[in-house]
């Protein structure tokens, strides 16, 4: 069987997911179980993978899914807790008092607050919080959706306290094989993973520098009276200042602390710095920009139903108390990752599984307290007492979060096991390489050394189809790493630009566009939104690809496993 045909068969599950989700417009709840069955059939019928190994791989995927759902539940639970305590209402009111200039407001609410919410919660919550917030302070609903989607780029790789890296990249790579290869060089897995995290932070930091300016220019071009790109340039100094206020602490956190912190700390620090600067008038243009009167807005800009994160309680929360839970979360996360005794105590509560169903090397663990989900729930409980919530309100938050979890969970219990079946297919009766490695051979033969230029677009395609940076990384990280090995370039950098591209793909992911539109009652106009958000997506993946090419072929960036492939040649 030719390498090209094997590569096509290996790619078939990803292609099928695209056909079902986009071509037939199936919901992910229907499409992903079908894709899982087809993947298992290909693994068993073509690769000769045993049923026992397929089941063991699926169980491994379910363990990973449990960890991911634990984080999702904690992240959404904290947001809902703050909604029912009245804290979100207080946070919203605070933004209205800073500046009447819509250019300043979009940078503060979308870029900085949205990035912070992405870091703390992820999974589409920036649009769910920031978009209604912008509508509440006077933005057209269509503009609010576009801006809520545009910031689902730079912060997304470290969203939900690092989930796309912790679960997506680590779960998407063949960690057992790579750990063994690193051990031969006297290194541990963390050395490679931290390198990937650092490179993701640096590439995003560079790409994200122009995003605040793009936000304003898109606003003046598509939603301004004069429909002008250049009208937004007047805020260039303030926009660049706002970008650096986020990206500098973001990059430092990614390099020094790890994947849990960049977006959350970058957003929190940037928000504090830029809010103070705006109040003092630092670099703020002398003119004030605003939309045309609402009576002049096209009907396509206006929502049928204006929703917002309204407080569901009469109680008022001070601004200090409203923000305190997020500060406590950041503090607990930093302590757990930097103070060894505290981190070790959290890690001691661990459900560990090895050699599932007797399949060597297939296992996983579930660190109940050390995973961000555990710490998020601790902060929720503390908030219950700090904000003196009613028990009924707290239980409402639990129920709302559980409903969100069920929606996400059903898709993930098929998606992640499907990925693990693909990764573990290298042990088979037919002597074939695993499915991701077979794909890598096909791509390396076809594209050669120019492939890194397109690697971010592949990641974006994965996010577009799956609606998730995490799932894109799960599906494609091993493929990207193996392709790098065959091209004799850095696998760490290739996975990094995969993750950056997957983050950019969130701006056009159908799932995200629909979810963002629903928050402001704008369903049915997703096509109009996509025509705008495709522009920053193209910028992002193109620049990430160029930076990848420069890093690999000009700077000669390397990693501990440069040139590593699981098996150097493909059987004929």
Protein backbone atom coordinates (compact mmCIF):
# COMPACT_ATOMS: atom_id res chain seq x y z
CA UNK A 1 0.00 0.00 0.00
CA UNK A 2 1.52 3.36 -1.04
CA UNK A 3 2.46 6.01 1.51
CA UNK A 4 0.18 8.53 -0.22
CA UNK A 5 -2.86 6.27 0.02
CA UNK A 6 -2.11 5.48 3.67
CA UNK A 7 -1.80 9.20 4.40
CA UNK A 8 -5.19 9.80 2.77
CA UNK A 9 -6.80 7.03 4.82
CA UNK A 10 -5.22 8.38 8.00
CA UNK A 11 -6.57 11.85 7.17
CA UNK A 12 -10.05 10.47 6.42
CA UNK A 13 -11.47 10.97 9.97
CA UNK A 14 -10.51 14.68 9.97
CA UNK A 15 -11.83 15.09 6.42
CA UNK A 16 -15.06 13.32 7.35
CA UNK A 17 -15.58 15.60 10.35
CA UNK A 18 -15.29 18.59 8.00
CA UNK A 19 -17.75 17.14 5.51
CA UNK A 20 -20.32 16.31 8.19
CA UNK A 21 -19.96 19.53 10.20
CA UNK A 22 -19.68 22.01 7.33
CA UNK A 23 -20.97 20.23 4.23
CA UNK A 24 -24.00 18.53 5.81
CA UNK A 25 -24.28 21.03 8.68
CA UNK A 26 -24.63 18.27 11.23
CA UNK A 27 -24.25 19.20 14.88
CA UNK A 28 -21.07 17.99 16.54
CA UNK A 29 -23.21 15.81 18.82
CA UNK A 30 -24.24 13.77 15.77
CA UNK A 31 -21.08 14.06 13.67
CA UNK A 32 -18.40 13.11 16.21
CA UNK A 33 -19.86 9.72 17.20
CA UNK A 34 -19.94 8.86 13.46
CA UNK A 35 -16.32 10.00 13.06
CA UNK A 36 -15.27 7.92 16.08
CA UNK A 37 -16.87 4.78 14.60
CA UNK A 38 -15.23 5.39 11.20
CA UNK A 39 -11.84 6.00 12.85
CA UNK A 40 -12.10 2.76 14.80
CA UNK A 41 -13.12 0.88 11.64
CA UNK A 42 -10.12 2.23 9.70
CA UNK A 43 -7.77 1.50 12.61
CA UNK A 44 -9.04 -2.08 12.85
CA UNK A 45 -9.64 -2.85 9.15
CA UNK A 46 -6.65 -1.14 7.53
CA UNK A 47 -4.08 -0.79 10.31
CA UNK A 48 -4.90 -4.12 11.95
CA UNK A 49 -5.31 -2.57 15.39
CA UNK A 50 -6.83 -5.02 17.89
CA UNK A 51 -10.27 -4.40 19.39
CA UNK A 52 -8.68 -4.60 22.84
CA UNK A 53 -6.27 -1.77 21.98
CA UNK A 54 -9.06 0.35 20.48
CA UNK A 55 -11.12 -0.03 23.67
CA UNK A 56 -8.07 0.71 25.85
CA UNK A 57 -7.30 3.82 23.77
CA UNK A 58 -10.92 4.92 24.11
CA UNK A 59 -10.74 4.51 27.88
CA UNK A 60 -7.54 6.57 27.89
CA UNK A 61 -9.42 9.23 25.95
CA UNK A 62 -12.22 9.19 28.50
CA UNK A 63 -9.71 9.79 31.32
CA UNK A 64 -8.41 12.82 29.41
CA UNK A 65 -12.00 13.91 28.82
CA UNK A 66 -12.74 13.74 32.56
CA UNK A 67 -9.82 16.07 33.26
CA UNK A 68 -10.95 18.50 30.57
CA UNK A 69 -14.58 18.50 31.75
CA UNK A 70 -13.37 19.08 35.30
CA UNK A 71 -11.62 22.27 34.13
CA UNK A 72 -14.61 23.36 32.02
CA UNK A 73 -17.00 22.89 34.93
CA UNK A 74 -14.79 24.87 37.31
CA UNK A 75 -14.29 27.72 34.82
CA UNK A 76 -17.98 28.08 33.95
CA UNK A 77 -18.95 27.61 37.60
CA UNK A 78 -16.84 30.59 38.68
CA UNK A 79 -18.40 32.79 35.99
CA UNK A 80 -21.92 31.72 36.98
CA UNK A 81 -21.14 32.20 40.67
CA UNK A 82 -20.12 35.79 39.95
CA UNK A 83 -23.24 36.30 37.84
CA UNK A 84 -25.56 35.16 40.62
CA UNK A 85 -23.64 37.05 43.32
CA UNK A 86 -23.93 40.35 41.40
CA UNK A 87 -20.20 40.70 40.77
CA UNK A 88 -20.45 40.62 36.95
CA UNK A 89 -22.97 43.47 37.07
CA UNK A 90 -20.51 45.52 39.13
CA UNK A 91 -17.67 44.77 36.72
CA UNK A 92 -19.84 45.84 33.78
CA UNK A 93 -20.81 49.14 35.42
CA UNK A 94 -17.17 49.96 36.02
CA UNK A 95 -16.34 50.03 32.31
CA UNK A 96 -19.02 52.61 31.50
CA UNK A 97 -17.36 55.20 33.75
CA UNK A 98 -13.86 55.09 32.24
CA UNK A 99 -14.29 56.77 28.82
CA UNK A 100 -17.12 57.70 26.43
CA UNK A 101 -14.84 57.03 23.42
CA UNK A 102 -15.90 53.78 21.71
CA UNK A 103 -12.30 53.15 20.61
CA UNK A 104 -11.15 53.12 24.22
CA UNK A 105 -14.14 51.02 25.27
CA UNK A 106 -13.57 48.32 22.65
CA UNK A 107 -9.91 47.97 23.69
CA UNK A 108 -10.78 47.79 27.39
CA UNK A 109 -13.80 45.50 27.13
CA UNK A 110 -12.94 43.26 24.17
CA UNK A 111 -9.14 43.13 24.12
CA UNK A 112 -8.23 43.34 27.82
CA UNK A 113 -11.30 42.19 29.76
CA UNK A 114 -12.14 39.62 27.06
CA UNK A 115 -8.59 38.27 27.14
CA UNK A 116 -8.72 38.01 30.92
CA UNK A 117 -12.05 36.14 30.80
CA UNK A 118 -10.56 33.81 28.15
CA UNK A 119 -7.64 33.09 30.46
CA UNK A 120 -9.89 32.42 33.43
CA UNK A 121 -12.77 30.61 31.73
CA UNK A 122 -12.20 29.90 28.03
CA UNK A 123 -14.65 27.83 25.98
CA UNK A 124 -16.41 30.78 24.35
CA UNK A 125 -17.10 32.69 27.57
CA UNK A 126 -15.32 35.90 26.40
CA UNK A 127 -17.99 36.39 23.74
CA UNK A 128 -20.71 35.36 26.19
CA UNK A 129 -19.54 38.03 28.65
CA UNK A 130 -17.88 40.74 26.54
CA UNK A 131 -20.44 40.87 23.70
CA UNK A 132 -23.49 41.52 25.93
CA UNK A 133 -21.35 43.95 27.93
CA UNK A 134 -20.62 45.99 24.79
CA UNK A 135 -24.30 45.95 23.80
CA UNK A 136 -25.17 47.18 27.30
CA UNK A 137 -22.87 50.22 26.94
CA UNK A 138 -24.21 51.13 23.47
CA UNK A 139 -22.47 49.04 20.78
CA UNK A 140 -24.48 47.61 17.84
CA UNK A 141 -25.11 43.92 18.46
CA UNK A 142 -23.33 42.89 15.24
CA UNK A 143 -20.24 44.90 16.22
CA UNK A 144 -20.25 43.35 19.69
CA UNK A 145 -20.28 39.83 18.20
CA UNK A 146 -17.44 40.64 15.77
CA UNK A 147 -15.24 42.13 18.50
CA UNK A 148 -16.04 39.29 20.90
CA UNK A 149 -14.82 36.85 18.24
CA UNK A 150 -11.74 38.83 17.21
CA UNK A 151 -10.19 38.60 20.67
CA UNK A 152 -10.60 34.81 20.60
CA UNK A 153 -7.12 34.69 19.08
CA UNK A 154 -4.09 35.82 21.11
CA UNK A 155 -5.33 34.67 24.54
CA UNK A 156 -6.92 31.42 23.36
CA UNK A 157 -3.86 29.12 23.47
CA UNK A 158 -3.74 29.78 27.22
CA UNK A 159 -7.50 29.97 27.73
CA UNK A 160 -9.28 28.25 30.61
CA UNK A 161 -6.08 28.36 32.67
CA UNK A 162 -4.01 26.68 29.97
CA UNK A 163 -6.36 23.91 28.82
CA UNK A 164 -5.41 24.01 25.08
CA UNK A 165 -1.80 23.35 26.11
CA UNK A 166 -2.30 21.15 29.19
CA UNK A 167 -4.93 18.93 27.58
CA UNK A 168 -4.73 19.71 23.85
CA UNK A 169 -0.97 19.58 23.25
CA UNK A 170 -0.06 17.11 26.00
CA UNK A 171 -2.99 14.85 25.13
CA UNK A 172 -2.39 15.21 21.40
CA UNK A 173 1.27 14.19 21.50
CA UNK A 174 2.49 10.64 22.05
CA UNK A 175 3.83 11.58 25.44
CA UNK A 176 5.05 8.10 26.36
CA UNK A 177 7.22 7.77 23.24
CA UNK A 178 8.55 11.33 23.50
CA UNK A 179 9.30 10.94 27.21
CA UNK A 180 11.32 7.82 26.44
CA UNK A 181 13.26 9.63 23.69
CA UNK A 182 13.95 12.56 26.02
CA UNK A 183 15.12 10.22 28.78
CA UNK A 184 17.83 8.92 26.46
CA UNK A 185 19.17 12.49 26.37
CA UNK A 186 18.92 12.87 30.16
CA UNK A 187 15.88 15.15 29.93
CA UNK A 188 12.29 15.04 31.17
CA UNK A 189 9.00 15.73 29.39
CA UNK A 190 8.65 19.12 31.08
CA UNK A 191 11.72 20.40 29.25
CA UNK A 192 10.06 19.92 25.86
CA UNK A 193 6.62 21.05 26.98
CA UNK A 194 7.90 24.27 28.56
CA UNK A 195 9.78 25.04 25.35
CA UNK A 196 6.57 24.66 23.33
CA UNK A 197 4.68 26.87 25.81
CA UNK A 198 7.38 29.57 25.64
CA UNK A 199 7.40 29.58 21.84
CA UNK A 200 3.60 29.80 21.70
CA UNK A 201 3.69 32.79 24.07
CA UNK A 202 6.36 34.59 22.02
CA UNK A 203 4.66 34.03 18.63
CA UNK A 204 1.28 35.11 20.02
CA UNK A 205 2.93 38.13 21.64
CA UNK A 206 4.23 39.25 18.25
CA UNK A 207 1.03 38.49 16.32
CA UNK A 208 -1.17 40.03 19.00
CA UNK A 209 0.62 43.40 18.96
CA UNK A 210 -1.62 44.72 16.17
CA UNK A 211 -4.91 43.17 17.35
CA UNK A 212 -6.13 46.21 19.38
CA UNK A 213 -5.49 48.43 16.36
CA UNK A 214 -7.34 45.96 14.12
CA UNK A 215 -10.28 46.03 16.52
CA UNK A 216 -10.57 49.80 16.14
CA UNK A 217 -9.97 49.79 12.37
CA UNK A 218 -12.62 47.11 11.85
CA UNK A 219 -14.97 49.20 13.99
CA UNK A 220 -14.40 52.38 11.96
CA UNK A 221 -14.50 50.55 8.60
CA UNK A 222 -17.59 48.37 9.10
CA UNK A 223 -19.53 50.21 11.83
CA UNK A 224 -18.48 53.87 11.51
CA UNK A 225 -20.29 56.73 9.81
CA UNK A 226 -17.54 57.14 7.18
CA UNK A 227 -16.75 53.44 6.67
CA UNK A 228 -13.03 54.22 6.76
CA UNK A 229 -10.05 52.00 7.57
CA UNK A 230 -7.73 54.94 8.15
CA UNK A 231 -10.07 56.68 10.58
CA UNK A 232 -9.01 54.10 13.16
CA UNK A 233 -5.31 54.96 12.81
CA UNK A 234 -5.68 58.03 15.04
CA UNK A 235 -5.59 55.75 18.07
CA UNK A 236 -2.39 53.95 17.01
CA UNK A 237 -0.23 55.07 20.01
CA UNK A 238 -2.91 54.10 22.56
CA UNK A 239 -3.63 50.82 20.72
CA UNK A 240 0.05 49.80 20.71
CA UNK A 241 0.37 50.79 24.37
CA UNK A 242 -2.67 48.62 25.15
CA UNK A 243 -1.20 45.74 23.15
CA UNK A 244 2.13 45.83 25.01
CA UNK A 245 0.38 46.22 28.37
CA UNK A 246 -1.08 42.77 27.70
CA UNK A 247 1.55 40.98 25.58
CA UNK A 248 4.63 41.79 27.70
CA UNK A 249 3.31 40.27 30.97
CA UNK A 250 1.68 37.56 28.80
CA UNK A 251 5.02 36.49 27.29
CA UNK A 252 6.86 36.74 30.62
CA UNK A 253 4.22 34.55 32.29
CA UNK A 254 4.38 31.99 29.48
CA UNK A 255 8.16 31.71 29.68
CA UNK A 256 8.55 31.90 33.46
CA UNK A 257 5.39 30.38 34.93
CA UNK A 258 3.77 28.02 32.42
CA UNK A 259 0.55 27.66 30.41
CA UNK A 260 -1.94 28.43 33.16
CA UNK A 261 -1.05 32.10 33.51
CA UNK A 262 -0.31 34.14 30.34
CA UNK A 263 -3.83 35.18 29.32
CA UNK A 264 -5.17 35.58 32.83
CA UNK A 265 -2.25 37.58 34.23
CA UNK A 266 -1.71 39.48 30.96
CA UNK A 267 -5.36 40.48 30.90
CA UNK A 268 -5.49 41.41 34.59
CA UNK A 269 -2.25 43.43 34.54
CA UNK A 270 -3.03 45.02 31.18
CA UNK A 271 -6.54 45.97 32.28
CA UNK A 272 -5.20 47.70 35.40
CA UNK A 273 -2.49 49.59 33.47
CA UNK A 274 -4.67 50.69 30.54
CA UNK A 275 -7.64 51.65 32.71
CA UNK A 276 -5.41 53.97 34.73
CA UNK A 277 -3.87 55.37 31.52
CA UNK A 278 -7.30 56.03 29.99
CA UNK A 279 -8.51 57.82 33.10
CA UNK A 280 -5.38 60.00 33.09
CA UNK A 281 -5.71 60.69 29.35
CA UNK A 282 -2.34 59.10 28.52
CA UNK A 283 -2.01 58.72 24.71
CA UNK A 284 -5.79 59.14 24.40
CA UNK A 285 -6.82 61.04 21.21
CA UNK A 286 -8.27 64.49 21.78
CA UNK A 287 -11.38 63.71 19.72
CA UNK A 288 -14.11 61.31 20.86
CA UNK A 289 -15.30 58.68 18.39
CA UNK A 290 -18.82 57.28 18.52
CA UNK A 291 -21.24 55.32 16.36
CA UNK A 292 -23.98 57.04 14.41
CA UNK A 293 -27.28 57.38 16.31
CA UNK A 294 -29.00 54.02 16.76
CA UNK A 295 -31.87 55.18 14.57
CA UNK A 296 -29.45 55.22 11.60
CA UNK A 297 -28.10 51.68 12.11
CA UNK A 298 -28.86 49.05 9.44
CA UNK A 299 -31.29 46.39 10.60
CA UNK A 300 -28.54 43.77 10.28
CA UNK A 301 -26.65 45.44 13.15
CA UNK A 302 -29.54 45.27 15.59
CA UNK A 303 -30.43 42.22 17.66
CA UNK A 304 -33.90 40.83 18.10
CA UNK A 305 -33.22 40.20 21.73
CA UNK A 306 -30.69 42.00 23.91
CA UNK A 307 -29.24 39.70 26.51
CA UNK A 308 -26.62 40.55 29.09
CA UNK A 309 -24.99 39.10 32.13
CA UNK A 310 -27.52 40.86 34.34
CA UNK A 311 -27.29 40.45 38.06
CA UNK A 312 -29.94 38.06 39.32
CA UNK A 313 -29.82 39.49 42.82
CA UNK A 314 -30.61 42.91 44.28
CA UNK A 315 -27.44 42.85 46.38
CA UNK A 316 -24.65 45.25 45.40
CA UNK A 317 -21.03 44.07 45.31
CA UNK A 318 -18.14 46.53 45.60
CA UNK A 319 -15.61 46.61 42.76
CA UNK A 320 -12.89 45.27 45.04
CA UNK A 321 -15.04 42.33 46.12
CA UNK A 322 -16.22 41.72 42.54
CA UNK A 323 -12.65 41.29 41.28
CA UNK A 324 -11.30 39.52 44.41
CA UNK A 325 -12.27 35.96 43.30
CA UNK A 326 -10.22 36.31 40.10
CA UNK A 327 -7.27 37.67 42.08
CA UNK A 328 -7.54 34.71 44.49
CA UNK A 329 -7.63 32.29 41.56
CA UNK A 330 -4.48 33.80 40.07
CA UNK A 331 -2.76 33.63 43.47
CA UNK A 332 -3.71 29.99 44.09
CA UNK A 333 -2.58 28.97 40.61
CA UNK A 334 0.77 30.72 40.95
CA UNK A 335 1.37 29.16 44.39
CA UNK A 336 0.41 25.68 43.17
CA UNK A 337 2.85 25.91 40.24
CA UNK A 338 5.77 27.62 42.00
CA UNK A 339 5.70 26.49 45.66
CA UNK A 340 6.74 22.83 45.51
CA UNK A 341 5.29 21.61 48.86
CA UNK A 342 1.90 23.13 48.02
CA UNK A 343 1.96 21.72 44.47
CA UNK A 344 3.03 18.28 45.71
CA UNK A 345 0.22 18.22 48.28
CA UNK A 346 -2.32 18.95 45.54
CA UNK A 347 -0.78 16.33 43.23
CA UNK A 348 -1.04 13.68 45.94
CA UNK A 349 -4.78 13.40 45.28
CA UNK A 350 -4.45 11.52 42.00
CA UNK A 351 -6.45 8.81 40.25
CA UNK A 352 -3.83 6.96 38.19
CA UNK A 353 -4.42 4.28 35.54
CA UNK A 354 -1.65 2.28 33.88
CA UNK A 355 -1.59 -0.35 31.11
CA UNK A 356 -5.33 -0.26 30.56
CA UNK A 357 -6.74 -3.69 29.58
CA UNK A 358 -3.16 -4.97 29.57
CA UNK A 359 -2.09 -2.63 26.73
CA UNK A 360 1.42 -1.47 27.62
CA UNK A 361 1.92 2.30 27.73
CA UNK A 362 -1.77 3.19 27.54
CA UNK A 363 -2.87 4.94 30.70
CA UNK A 364 -3.62 8.29 32.28
CA UNK A 365 -4.29 10.10 35.50
CA UNK A 366 -6.75 12.56 36.99
CA UNK A 367 -5.24 15.03 39.47
CA UNK A 368 -8.40 16.21 41.18
CA UNK A 369 -6.94 19.17 43.09
CA UNK A 370 -3.88 20.09 40.99
CA UNK A 371 -5.86 20.45 37.78
CA UNK A 372 -7.20 24.02 37.46
CA UNK A 373 -10.74 22.68 37.88
CA UNK A 374 -10.10 21.85 41.52
CA UNK A 375 -8.70 25.28 42.32
CA UNK A 376 -11.53 26.99 40.42
CA UNK A 377 -14.09 25.20 42.57
CA UNK A 378 -12.20 26.15 45.73
CA UNK A 379 -12.47 29.81 44.65
CA UNK A 380 -16.20 29.33 43.96
CA UNK A 381 -16.72 28.10 47.53
CA UNK A 382 -14.67 31.00 48.94
CA UNK A 383 -16.74 33.42 46.82
CA UNK A 384 -19.95 31.95 48.22
CA UNK A 385 -18.88 33.15 51.67
CA UNK A 386 -17.11 36.37 50.59
CA UNK A 387 -20.15 37.61 48.66
CA UNK A 388 -22.59 36.26 51.23
CA UNK A 389 -24.57 34.46 48.58
CA UNK A 390 -27.87 32.80 49.17
CA UNK A 391 -27.70 29.03 49.00
CA UNK A 392 -30.39 29.01 46.29
CA UNK A 393 -28.34 31.37 44.07
CA UNK A 394 -25.25 29.21 44.45
CA UNK A 395 -27.24 26.11 43.49
CA UNK A 396 -28.55 27.95 40.42
CA UNK A 397 -24.92 28.53 39.42
CA UNK A 398 -24.22 24.81 39.89
CA UNK A 399 -27.20 23.81 37.72
CA UNK A 400 -26.36 26.29 34.95
CA UNK A 401 -22.75 25.08 34.89
CA UNK A 402 -23.85 21.46 34.83
CA UNK A 403 -26.05 22.15 31.81
CA UNK A 404 -23.11 23.69 29.93
CA UNK A 405 -20.96 20.72 30.92
CA UNK A 406 -23.43 18.21 29.51
CA UNK A 407 -23.46 20.04 26.17
CA UNK A 408 -19.68 20.01 25.87
CA UNK A 409 -19.21 16.58 27.42
CA UNK A 410 -21.19 14.56 24.92
CA UNK A 411 -19.04 15.78 22.02
CA UNK A 412 -15.75 15.32 23.88
CA UNK A 413 -16.44 11.73 24.97
CA UNK A 414 -16.18 10.78 21.30
CA UNK A 415 -13.63 13.32 20.06
CA UNK A 416 -10.78 12.65 22.50
CA UNK A 417 -11.05 8.82 22.36
CA UNK A 418 -10.99 9.13 18.53
CA UNK A 419 -7.71 11.05 18.79
CA UNK A 420 -6.17 8.46 21.14
CA UNK A 421 -7.15 5.63 18.79
CA UNK A 422 -5.29 7.44 15.99
CA UNK A 423 -2.20 8.07 18.14
CA UNK A 424 -2.06 4.50 19.52
CA UNK A 425 -2.60 2.85 16.12
CA UNK A 426 1.17 2.34 15.71
CA UNK A 427 0.91 -1.02 17.50
CA UNK A 428 -0.92 -3.16 14.95
CA UNK A 429 -0.94 -6.49 13.14
CA UNK A 430 0.00 -5.01 9.74
CA UNK A 431 3.30 -3.38 10.71
CA UNK A 432 2.13 0.11 9.75
CA UNK A 433 3.11 3.40 11.32
CA UNK A 434 0.47 5.17 13.39
CA UNK A 435 -2.12 7.27 11.59
CA UNK A 436 -0.62 10.69 12.51
CA UNK A 437 2.84 9.56 11.36
CA UNK A 438 1.40 8.24 8.10
CA UNK A 439 -0.21 11.66 7.53
CA UNK A 440 3.13 13.32 8.29
CA UNK A 441 4.91 11.24 5.64
CA UNK A 442 2.34 12.20 3.03
CA UNK A 443 2.52 15.92 3.82
CA UNK A 444 6.32 16.04 4.04
CA UNK A 445 6.62 14.30 0.66
CA UNK A 446 4.10 16.68 -0.92
CA UNK A 447 5.03 20.07 0.62
CA UNK A 448 8.66 19.74 1.68
CA UNK A 449 10.36 22.62 3.49
CA UNK A 450 7.62 25.16 2.72
CA UNK A 451 5.11 23.26 4.84
CA UNK A 452 5.75 25.27 8.06
CA UNK A 453 4.33 28.32 6.25
CA UNK A 454 0.99 26.49 6.06
CA UNK A 455 1.13 24.71 9.44
CA UNK A 456 -0.82 27.48 11.28
CA UNK A 457 -3.53 27.31 8.61
CA UNK A 458 -3.84 23.56 9.26
CA UNK A 459 -4.30 24.32 12.97
CA UNK A 460 -6.88 26.99 12.12
CA UNK A 461 -8.73 24.52 9.90
CA UNK A 462 -8.87 22.07 12.80
CA UNK A 463 -10.36 24.76 15.08
CA UNK A 464 -12.78 25.87 12.36
CA UNK A 465 -14.10 22.33 12.08
CA UNK A 466 -14.07 21.41 15.76
CA UNK A 467 -14.86 24.84 17.24
CA UNK A 468 -12.00 24.42 19.69
CA UNK A 469 -8.29 25.16 19.95
CA UNK A 470 -8.01 22.27 22.41
CA UNK A 471 -9.57 19.75 20.03
CA UNK A 472 -7.49 21.03 17.09
CA UNK A 473 -4.35 20.49 19.16
CA UNK A 474 -5.55 17.04 20.19
CA UNK A 475 -6.16 16.01 16.58
CA UNK A 476 -3.11 17.57 14.94
CA UNK A 477 -0.20 18.01 17.40
CA UNK A 478 1.34 14.58 16.79
CA UNK A 479 0.93 14.98 13.03
CA UNK A 480 2.69 18.37 13.16
CA UNK A 481 5.49 17.02 15.37
CA UNK A 482 6.13 14.02 13.13
CA UNK A 483 6.09 16.20 10.00
CA UNK A 484 8.76 18.40 11.58
CA UNK A 485 10.87 15.33 12.30
CA UNK A 486 10.68 14.18 8.69
CA UNK A 487 11.70 17.68 7.55
CA UNK A 488 14.52 17.74 10.16
CA UNK A 489 13.22 20.92 11.78
CA UNK A 490 12.13 21.68 15.35
CA UNK A 491 9.05 19.69 16.35
CA UNK A 492 8.51 21.98 19.34
CA UNK A 493 8.27 25.06 17.11
CA UNK A 494 6.01 23.24 14.64
CA UNK A 495 3.60 22.31 17.45
CA UNK A 496 3.81 25.90 18.71
CA UNK A 497 2.70 27.38 15.37
CA UNK A 498 0.00 24.68 15.20
CA UNK A 499 -1.35 25.94 18.51
CA UNK A 500 -1.15 29.58 17.43
CA UNK A 501 -3.01 28.78 14.19
CA UNK A 502 -5.63 26.81 16.10
CA UNK A 503 -6.19 29.81 18.36
CA UNK A 504 -6.68 32.08 15.32
CA UNK A 505 -9.17 29.58 13.90
CA UNK A 506 -11.48 30.32 16.82
CA UNK A 507 -12.34 33.65 15.17
CA UNK A 508 -14.11 31.81 12.33
CA UNK A 509 -15.16 28.59 14.08
CA UNK A 510 -18.84 28.05 13.30
CA UNK A 511 -19.53 26.91 16.85
CA UNK A 512 -18.06 30.13 18.29
CA UNK A 513 -19.83 32.38 15.77
CA UNK A 514 -23.20 30.81 16.60
CA UNK A 515 -22.57 30.94 20.36
CA UNK A 516 -21.47 34.60 20.25
CA UNK A 517 -24.46 35.54 18.08
CA UNK A 518 -26.84 33.78 20.46
CA UNK A 519 -25.66 35.84 23.45
CA UNK A 520 -27.02 39.04 21.85
CA UNK A 521 -29.99 37.52 19.98
CA UNK A 522 -28.37 37.78 16.55
CA UNK A 523 -28.79 34.23 15.23
CA UNK A 524 -29.15 33.85 11.47
CA UNK A 525 -26.54 36.45 10.50
CA UNK A 526 -23.43 34.32 10.98
CA UNK A 527 -22.39 34.76 7.34
CA UNK A 528 -22.09 38.53 7.76
CA UNK A 529 -19.97 38.03 10.86
CA UNK A 530 -17.66 35.54 9.14
CA UNK A 531 -16.99 37.92 6.25
CA UNK A 532 -15.43 40.30 8.76
CA UNK A 533 -13.65 37.90 11.13
CA UNK A 534 -11.97 36.05 8.25
CA UNK A 535 -9.78 39.16 7.72
CA UNK A 536 -7.94 39.09 11.09
CA UNK A 537 -7.79 35.29 10.81
CA UNK A 538 -5.88 35.51 7.53
CA UNK A 539 -3.51 38.08 9.07
CA UNK A 540 -2.88 35.88 12.09
CA UNK A 541 -2.17 32.57 10.33
CA UNK A 542 -0.07 34.28 7.64
CA UNK A 543 2.14 36.08 10.17
CA UNK A 544 2.44 32.95 12.35
CA UNK A 545 3.51 30.96 9.28
CA UNK A 546 6.11 33.58 8.32
CA UNK A 547 7.45 33.65 11.90
CA UNK A 548 7.62 29.85 11.84
CA UNK A 549 9.58 29.86 8.58
CA UNK A 550 11.99 32.49 9.96
CA UNK A 551 12.46 30.54 13.19
CA UNK A 552 13.07 27.22 11.43
CA UNK A 553 14.97 28.21 8.31
CA UNK A 554 16.63 31.55 9.17
CA UNK A 555 17.28 31.42 12.92
CA UNK A 556 17.67 27.62 12.92
CA UNK A 557 15.69 27.20 16.14
CA UNK A 558 16.06 23.74 17.63
CA UNK A 559 14.76 21.53 20.43
CA UNK A 560 15.97 18.46 22.36
CA UNK A 561 14.39 16.05 19.84
CA UNK A 562 15.33 17.80 16.58
CA UNK A 563 14.73 15.39 13.69
CA UNK A 564 12.92 12.84 15.87
CA UNK A 565 10.35 10.57 14.21
CA UNK A 566 8.76 7.55 15.82
CA UNK A 567 9.89 5.35 12.93
CA UNK A 568 12.19 6.82 10.26
CA UNK A 569 10.74 5.12 7.20
CA UNK A 570 7.33 4.00 6.07
CA UNK A 571 6.79 0.33 5.16
CA UNK A 572 5.87 -0.25 1.53
